[in-house]
Protein backbone atom coordinates (compact mmCIF):
# COMPACT_ATOMS: atom_id res chain seq x y z
CA UNK A 1 0.00 0.14 0.15
CA UNK A 2 2.90 2.34 0.49
CA UNK A 3 4.03 2.61 -2.85
CA UNK A 4 0.53 3.10 -4.30
CA UNK A 5 0.94 6.45 -6.20
CA UNK A 6 -2.38 6.89 -8.11
CA UNK A 7 -5.36 9.14 -7.16
CA UNK A 8 -7.49 7.23 -4.13
CA UNK A 9 -11.36 7.30 -4.38
CA UNK A 10 -12.82 9.87 -1.51
CA UNK A 11 -15.89 8.16 -0.33
CA UNK A 12 -18.99 10.43 -0.13
CA UNK A 13 -21.95 9.37 2.11
CA UNK A 14 -23.75 7.70 -1.08
CA UNK A 15 -20.65 5.39 -1.53
CA UNK A 16 -19.28 4.76 1.67
CA UNK A 17 -21.02 1.37 1.94
CA UNK A 18 -19.53 0.28 -1.51
CA UNK A 19 -15.86 1.31 -0.17
CA UNK A 20 -16.88 -0.48 3.09
CA UNK A 21 -17.45 -3.81 1.06
CA UNK A 22 -14.49 -3.63 -1.05
CA UNK A 23 -12.38 -3.32 2.03
CA UNK A 24 -14.19 -6.16 3.77
CA UNK A 25 -13.76 -8.27 0.14
CA UNK A 26 -16.98 -7.81 -1.05
CA UNK A 27 -18.64 -6.17 -4.12
CA UNK A 28 -21.74 -4.32 -2.86
CA UNK A 29 -24.28 -2.76 -5.00
CA UNK A 30 -27.81 -1.25 -4.62
CA UNK A 31 -31.09 -2.47 -5.45
CA UNK A 32 -34.42 -0.34 -6.02
CA UNK A 33 -36.91 -1.49 -3.46
CA UNK A 34 -39.57 -0.24 -5.74
CA UNK A 35 -38.54 -1.67 -9.24
CA UNK A 36 -35.97 -4.20 -8.36
CA UNK A 37 -33.35 -2.29 -10.58
CA UNK A 38 -29.75 -2.94 -9.69
CA UNK A 39 -27.83 0.28 -9.33
CA UNK A 40 -24.22 1.02 -9.95
CA UNK A 41 -22.53 3.44 -9.14
CA UNK A 42 -24.11 4.12 -6.16
CA UNK A 43 -26.65 6.95 -5.70
CA UNK A 44 -29.50 8.02 -3.26
CA UNK A 45 -32.37 7.15 -5.89
CA UNK A 46 -33.12 4.76 -8.59
CA UNK A 47 -32.38 6.15 -12.26
CA UNK A 48 -34.99 3.79 -13.75
CA UNK A 49 -38.09 4.88 -11.41
CA UNK A 50 -36.51 7.67 -9.30
CA UNK A 51 -37.64 5.93 -5.97
CA UNK A 52 -35.43 7.22 -3.06
CA UNK A 53 -35.85 3.56 -1.29
CA UNK A 54 -32.64 1.73 -2.35
CA UNK A 55 -31.10 -0.88 -0.56
CA UNK A 56 -27.39 -2.40 -0.29
CA UNK A 57 -26.49 -6.05 -1.15
CA UNK A 58 -23.42 -8.61 -1.87
CA UNK A 59 -23.09 -9.18 -5.35
CA UNK A 60 -21.53 -12.19 -6.83
CA UNK A 61 -18.42 -10.53 -8.22
CA UNK A 62 -18.59 -12.21 -11.38
CA UNK A 63 -19.48 -10.93 -14.60
CA UNK A 64 -18.44 -10.88 -18.42
CA UNK A 65 -15.82 -8.71 -20.22
CA UNK A 66 -17.87 -6.23 -22.16
CA UNK A 67 -15.22 -4.07 -23.46
CA UNK A 68 -11.64 -2.91 -23.33
CA UNK A 69 -8.89 -0.80 -24.55
CA UNK A 70 -5.11 -1.71 -23.76
CA UNK A 71 -3.29 1.58 -22.94
CA UNK A 72 0.47 1.57 -23.94
CA UNK A 73 1.47 4.83 -22.86
CA UNK A 74 1.69 6.13 -19.20
CA UNK A 75 -0.58 8.66 -18.05
CA UNK A 76 0.49 11.46 -15.73
CA UNK A 77 -0.46 10.59 -12.01
CA UNK A 78 -1.35 7.04 -13.02
CA UNK A 79 2.47 5.27 -12.47
CA UNK A 80 1.30 2.04 -13.68
CA UNK A 81 3.48 -0.26 -16.18
CA UNK A 82 2.26 -0.12 -19.73
CA UNK A 83 0.54 -1.83 -21.28
CA UNK A 84 -2.69 -2.26 -19.38
CA UNK A 85 -6.31 -2.93 -19.96
CA UNK A 86 -8.98 -0.27 -18.95
CA UNK A 87 -12.02 -2.50 -19.16
CA UNK A 88 -15.82 -2.41 -18.70
CA UNK A 89 -17.28 -5.61 -17.26
CA UNK A 90 -21.00 -6.31 -17.37
CA UNK A 91 -21.64 -7.98 -13.87
CA UNK A 92 -23.99 -10.74 -13.72
CA UNK A 93 -26.63 -8.77 -11.50
CA UNK A 94 -26.84 -6.24 -14.59
CA UNK A 95 -24.90 -2.96 -14.13
CA UNK A 96 -21.55 -2.24 -16.13
CA UNK A 97 -18.30 -1.26 -14.05
CA UNK A 98 -15.12 0.36 -15.27
CA UNK A 99 -12.26 -1.47 -13.95
CA UNK A 100 -8.73 -2.76 -14.69
CA UNK A 101 -8.02 -6.26 -15.66
CA UNK A 102 -5.27 -8.16 -13.69
CA UNK A 103 -3.73 -11.66 -13.65
CA UNK A 104 -4.02 -11.80 -17.22
CA UNK A 105 -1.66 -10.95 -20.02
CA UNK A 106 -2.60 -7.60 -21.51
CA UNK A 107 -3.30 -8.59 -25.36
CA UNK A 108 -6.28 -8.97 -27.45
CA UNK A 109 -5.42 -12.72 -27.62
CA UNK A 110 -5.80 -13.14 -24.03
CA UNK A 111 -8.52 -10.60 -23.32
CA UNK A 112 -11.55 -12.15 -25.09
CA UNK A 113 -14.89 -10.27 -25.32
CA UNK A 114 -17.67 -12.21 -23.21
CA UNK A 115 -15.03 -14.05 -21.18
CA UNK A 116 -15.99 -14.99 -17.71
CA UNK A 117 -14.37 -12.56 -15.00
CA UNK A 118 -14.36 -12.58 -11.04
CA UNK A 119 -13.48 -9.43 -8.78
CA UNK A 120 -10.48 -9.08 -6.83
CA UNK A 121 -9.52 -6.54 -4.39
CA UNK A 122 -6.31 -4.20 -4.32
CA UNK A 123 -5.57 -2.60 -0.88
CA UNK A 124 -4.43 0.97 -1.69
CA UNK A 125 -4.97 2.50 1.64
CA UNK A 126 -5.98 1.75 5.26
CA UNK A 127 -9.47 2.26 4.33
CA UNK A 128 -9.83 1.76 0.44
CA UNK A 129 -9.39 -1.50 -1.53
CA UNK A 130 -9.85 -0.89 -5.39
CA UNK A 131 -12.21 -3.98 -7.12
CA UNK A 132 -10.43 -5.12 -10.34
CA UNK A 133 -11.05 -8.18 -12.21
CA UNK A 134 -9.51 -11.30 -13.55
CA UNK A 135 -10.37 -14.26 -15.82
CA UNK A 136 -12.62 -16.44 -13.52
CA UNK A 137 -10.57 -19.32 -12.09
CA UNK A 138 -7.42 -17.54 -12.69
């Protein structure tokens, strides 16, 4: 954790349960109590029906690789070894999550669309762990 040099998310009252979950090794999402829509990113209302009655639940942490781009150039403030994949995973519960792919070669041959993915958590501070995804079973 001490060598992590990228920006660290700052939880808000709406996102704190999400970050508490990642720290505990759980991917937590919201579900609308009125229409059952699963919500990500966290917010105080349902974007489908505008209900303010939303609840948190533990998600499976599984999904499919929806889209990605392989970045070959270092970005200022993001001192990560290039190349690295910036990806969108479609969670089994429905929402899409932007993430990084880990534990896998960062090549088009290894990163196949619709491949099964599972969440892993990278601790970056005393209070924040980032959800990242790897090929299921890796």
